[in-house]
Amino acid sequence: MKIHEIRNLTKKETPLHYRNEYSGSLVYSAGAIEEEAAVEFTLERTATGNIDISVSFPASLHYPLVPAVKKVKAYITDLEKNGSLL
């Protein structure tokens, strides 16, 4: 699985300053096929300063779930470190 981008990234309003919720469309390729799937994820800053990331897919993917979640978490971590998230 190769992640190309997350399109239509929107940040949901939450009353908690340490928790950010996002949704968008994940563009990825598995082999020669490029697909787009809805994705929702949450970044939550813990008391120790670490960031916990949770990822969910409202619709099914054409890729095994556990490896897909790991790849998306790594991609989101890079976005967060680069300051690319809203």
Protein backbone atom coordinates (compact mmCIF):
# COMPACT_ATOMS: atom_id res chain seq x y z
CA MET A 1 0.00 0.00 0.00
CA LYS A 2 1.28 3.43 -0.96
CA ILE A 3 -0.46 6.51 0.38
CA HIS A 4 -0.57 9.41 -2.07
CA GLU A 5 -2.51 12.02 -0.08
CA ILE A 6 -5.51 12.78 2.11
CA ARG A 7 -7.94 14.96 0.15
CA ASN A 8 -10.71 17.16 1.50
CA LEU A 9 -9.17 17.19 4.96
CA THR A 10 -11.53 18.84 7.44
CA LYS A 11 -11.09 19.44 11.15
CA LYS A 12 -14.09 18.80 13.36
CA GLU A 13 -14.85 21.21 16.17
CA THR A 14 -14.25 19.70 19.61
CA PRO A 15 -14.46 21.38 23.02
CA LEU A 16 -11.24 19.68 24.17
CA HIS A 17 -8.05 21.57 23.34
CA TYR A 18 -5.87 18.44 23.54
CA ARG A 19 -7.96 16.43 21.05
CA ASN A 20 -8.24 17.10 17.33
CA GLU A 21 -10.58 15.14 15.06
CA TYR A 22 -10.26 15.06 11.28
CA SER A 23 -11.97 13.46 8.32
CA GLY A 24 -11.06 13.24 4.66
CA SER A 25 -10.53 10.99 1.66
CA LEU A 26 -7.49 8.75 1.61
CA VAL A 27 -5.96 8.29 -1.84
CA TYR A 28 -3.86 5.14 -1.96
CA SER A 29 -2.65 2.50 -4.36
CA ALA A 30 -2.42 -1.21 -3.82
CA GLY A 31 -0.53 -2.72 -6.70
CA ALA A 32 -1.52 -1.07 -9.96
CA ILE A 33 -4.92 0.09 -8.72
CA GLU A 34 -5.40 3.57 -7.24
CA GLU A 35 -8.40 3.99 -4.94
CA GLU A 36 -9.98 6.56 -2.67
CA ALA A 37 -11.60 5.76 0.68
CA ALA A 38 -13.10 7.80 3.51
CA VAL A 39 -10.92 8.06 6.61
CA GLU A 40 -11.42 9.57 10.05
CA PHE A 41 -8.68 10.06 12.60
CA THR A 42 -8.05 11.62 15.98
CA LEU A 43 -4.88 13.08 17.45
CA GLU A 44 -4.93 13.26 21.22
CA ARG A 45 -2.10 14.78 23.24
CA THR A 46 -1.48 12.82 26.44
CA ALA A 47 -0.40 14.25 29.79
CA THR A 48 3.19 13.21 29.04
CA GLY A 49 3.20 15.19 25.77
CA ASN A 50 2.97 12.22 23.42
CA ILE A 51 0.38 12.11 20.67
CA ASP A 52 -1.95 9.13 20.36
CA ILE A 53 -3.43 8.61 16.90
CA SER A 54 -6.56 6.58 16.24
CA VAL A 55 -7.73 5.82 12.70
CA SER A 56 -11.04 4.49 11.41
CA PHE A 57 -12.45 3.77 7.99
CA PRO A 58 -16.24 4.30 7.73
CA ALA A 59 -16.33 2.17 4.55
CA SER A 60 -14.39 -0.98 3.79
CA LEU A 61 -10.96 -0.89 2.15
CA HIS A 62 -9.64 -3.19 -0.52
CA TYR A 63 -6.57 -3.76 1.62
CA PRO A 64 -5.95 -5.60 4.94
CA LEU A 65 -7.02 -3.38 7.83
CA VAL A 66 -4.10 -3.70 10.28
CA PRO A 67 -1.33 -2.85 7.77
CA ALA A 68 -3.48 -0.02 6.37
CA VAL A 69 -3.95 1.52 9.83
CA LYS A 70 -0.19 1.34 10.49
CA LYS A 71 0.61 3.05 7.17
CA VAL A 72 -2.01 5.77 7.72
CA LYS A 73 -0.74 6.43 11.27
CA ALA A 74 2.80 6.84 9.95
CA TYR A 75 1.55 9.20 7.23
CA ILE A 76 -0.45 11.26 9.75
CA THR A 77 2.57 11.43 12.08
CA ASP A 78 4.61 12.91 9.23
CA LEU A 79 1.86 15.43 8.46
CA GLU A 80 1.70 16.48 12.11
CA LYS A 81 5.49 16.84 12.41
CA ASN A 82 5.62 18.98 9.25
CA GLY A 83 2.75 21.18 10.46
CA SER A 84 0.54 20.23 7.50
CA LEU A 85 -2.59 19.49 9.54
CA LEU A 86 -5.22 22.18 10.04
